[in-house]
Amino acid sequence: MTQPSKDTSKLADSGDRPQIGEQVAAIADITDGTLGTASDALAEITASYVEATIANSFATNAAKINAILAAMRNHGLIAD
């Protein structure tokens, strides 16, 4: 990825260097089919396999990635 030019930049830093260029193509949300429950923490995966713990970890990752994508869409960085 190349740095945007001053002509196409949407944001510049304090030194007037371009930071953000044109909006990029849409990125689809992750469809969470894990049946897990998302939270704000990832549980440790230990030697004793617990399917629910692993499903919850994947659900949490999917939810956080989707939240990041939504924030990027809201700021116009990626298309809807």
C-alpha atoms as a PDB file:
ATOM      1  CA  MET A   1       0.000   0.000   0.000  1.00  0.00           C
ATOM      2  CA  THR A   2       1.365   3.397  -0.937  1.00  0.00           C
ATOM      3  CA  GLN A   3       1.042   6.622   0.977  1.00  0.00           C
ATOM      4  CA  PRO A   4      -1.733   8.868  -0.374  1.00  0.00           C
ATOM      5  CA  SER A   5      -0.754  12.017  -2.210  1.00  0.00           C
ATOM      6  CA  LYS A   6      -1.573  15.481  -0.905  1.00  0.00           C
ATOM      7  CA  ASP A   7      -4.141  15.795  -3.689  1.00  0.00           C
ATOM      8  CA  THR A   8      -6.111  12.705  -2.642  1.00  0.00           C
ATOM      9  CA  SER A   9      -5.563  12.756   1.122  1.00  0.00           C
ATOM     10  CA  LYS A  10      -8.550  13.207   3.417  1.00  0.00           C
ATOM     11  CA  LEU A  11      -6.424  13.883   6.508  1.00  0.00           C
ATOM     12  CA  ALA A  12      -2.955  15.295   7.160  1.00  0.00           C
ATOM     13  CA  ASP A  13      -0.779  15.190  10.276  1.00  0.00           C
ATOM     14  CA  SER A  14       0.738  18.240  12.001  1.00  0.00           C
ATOM     15  CA  GLY A  15       3.556  18.255   9.425  1.00  0.00           C
ATOM     16  CA  ASP A  16       0.989  18.415   6.586  1.00  0.00           C
ATOM     17  CA  ARG A  17       1.881  14.873   5.499  1.00  0.00           C
ATOM     18  CA  PRO A  18      -1.094  13.005   3.981  1.00  0.00           C
ATOM     19  CA  GLN A  19      -2.463  10.168   6.145  1.00  0.00           C
ATOM     20  CA  ILE A  20      -5.708   8.805   4.714  1.00  0.00           C
ATOM     21  CA  GLY A  21      -6.496   8.346   1.040  1.00  0.00           C
ATOM     22  CA  GLU A  22      -9.592   7.270  -0.818  1.00  0.00           C
ATOM     23  CA  GLN A  23     -12.205   4.933   0.601  1.00  0.00           C
ATOM     24  CA  VAL A  24     -11.479   1.266  -0.093  1.00  0.00           C
ATOM     25  CA  ALA A  25     -13.900  -1.423  -1.244  1.00  0.00           C
ATOM     26  CA  ALA A  26     -16.414  -2.995   1.116  1.00  0.00           C
ATOM     27  CA  ILE A  27     -15.307  -5.796   3.445  1.00  0.00           C
ATOM     28  CA  ALA A  28     -18.033  -8.217   4.511  1.00  0.00           C
ATOM     29  CA  ASP A  29     -18.754  -8.844   8.173  1.00  0.00           C
ATOM     30  CA  ILE A  30     -17.893 -12.259   9.567  1.00  0.00           C
ATOM     31  CA  THR A  31     -20.920 -14.514   9.956  1.00  0.00           C
ATOM     32  CA  ASP A  32     -20.611 -16.127  13.373  1.00  0.00           C
ATOM     33  CA  GLY A  33     -21.809 -19.714  13.190  1.00  0.00           C
ATOM     34  CA  THR A  34     -19.982 -20.843  16.340  1.00  0.00           C
ATOM     35  CA  LEU A  35     -23.027 -20.793  18.647  1.00  0.00           C
ATOM     36  CA  GLY A  36     -20.616 -19.273  21.174  1.00  0.00           C
ATOM     37  CA  THR A  37     -21.176 -16.180  23.297  1.00  0.00           C
ATOM     38  CA  ALA A  38     -19.051 -13.128  22.577  1.00  0.00           C
ATOM     39  CA  SER A  39     -17.477 -11.211  25.454  1.00  0.00           C
ATOM     40  CA  ASP A  40     -14.686  -8.721  26.077  1.00  0.00           C
ATOM     41  CA  ALA A  41     -12.132 -11.384  27.012  1.00  0.00           C
ATOM     42  CA  LEU A  42     -10.629 -14.490  25.458  1.00  0.00           C
ATOM     43  CA  ALA A  43     -10.487 -17.478  27.778  1.00  0.00           C
ATOM     44  CA  GLU A  44      -7.365 -19.550  28.098  1.00  0.00           C
ATOM     45  CA  ILE A  45      -7.480 -22.681  25.997  1.00  0.00           C
ATOM     46  CA  THR A  46      -6.067 -25.397  28.208  1.00  0.00           C
ATOM     47  CA  ALA A  47      -5.093 -29.003  27.575  1.00  0.00           C
ATOM     48  CA  SER A  48      -8.572 -30.138  28.628  1.00  0.00           C
ATOM     49  CA  TYR A  49     -10.655 -29.436  25.536  1.00  0.00           C
ATOM     50  CA  VAL A  50     -13.861 -27.509  26.293  1.00  0.00           C
ATOM     51  CA  GLU A  51     -15.868 -26.900  23.141  1.00  0.00           C
ATOM     52  CA  ALA A  52     -17.873 -24.013  24.616  1.00  0.00           C
ATOM     53  CA  THR A  53     -14.716 -22.138  25.611  1.00  0.00           C
ATOM     54  CA  ILE A  54     -13.314 -22.413  22.112  1.00  0.00           C
ATOM     55  CA  ALA A  55     -16.646 -21.451  20.511  1.00  0.00           C
ATOM     56  CA  ASN A  56     -16.874 -18.412  22.823  1.00  0.00           C
ATOM     57  CA  SER A  57     -13.354 -17.341  21.853  1.00  0.00           C
ATOM     58  CA  PHE A  58     -14.165 -17.528  18.142  1.00  0.00           C
ATOM     59  CA  ALA A  59     -17.459 -15.674  18.710  1.00  0.00           C
ATOM     60  CA  THR A  60     -15.574 -12.947  20.589  1.00  0.00           C
ATOM     61  CA  ASN A  61     -13.052 -12.573  17.772  1.00  0.00           C
ATOM     62  CA  ALA A  62     -15.823 -12.373  15.162  1.00  0.00           C
ATOM     63  CA  ALA A  63     -17.709  -9.743  17.177  1.00  0.00           C
ATOM     64  CA  LYS A  64     -14.612  -7.588  17.671  1.00  0.00           C
ATOM     65  CA  ILE A  65     -13.614  -7.795  13.996  1.00  0.00           C
ATOM     66  CA  ASN A  66     -17.154  -6.822  12.979  1.00  0.00           C
ATOM     67  CA  ALA A  67     -17.057  -3.882  15.425  1.00  0.00           C
ATOM     68  CA  ILE A  68     -13.783  -2.673  13.894  1.00  0.00           C
ATOM     69  CA  LEU A  69     -15.271  -2.980  10.391  1.00  0.00           C
ATOM     70  CA  ALA A  70     -18.352  -1.011  11.500  1.00  0.00           C
ATOM     71  CA  ALA A  71     -16.177   1.764  12.929  1.00  0.00           C
ATOM     72  CA  MET A  72     -14.200   1.925   9.693  1.00  0.00           C
ATOM     73  CA  ARG A  73     -17.451   2.151   7.685  1.00  0.00           C
ATOM     74  CA  ASN A  74     -18.798   4.870   9.983  1.00  0.00           C
ATOM     75  CA  HIS A  75     -15.666   6.939   9.376  1.00  0.00           C
ATOM     76  CA  GLY A  76     -15.825   6.374   5.625  1.00  0.00           C
ATOM     77  CA  LEU A  77     -12.597   4.366   5.446  1.00  0.00           C
ATOM     78  CA  ILE A  78     -14.291   1.377   3.809  1.00  0.00           C
ATOM     79  CA  ALA A  79     -17.473   1.219   1.760  1.00  0.00           C
ATOM     80  CA  ASP A  80     -20.745  -0.161   3.090  1.00  0.00           C
END
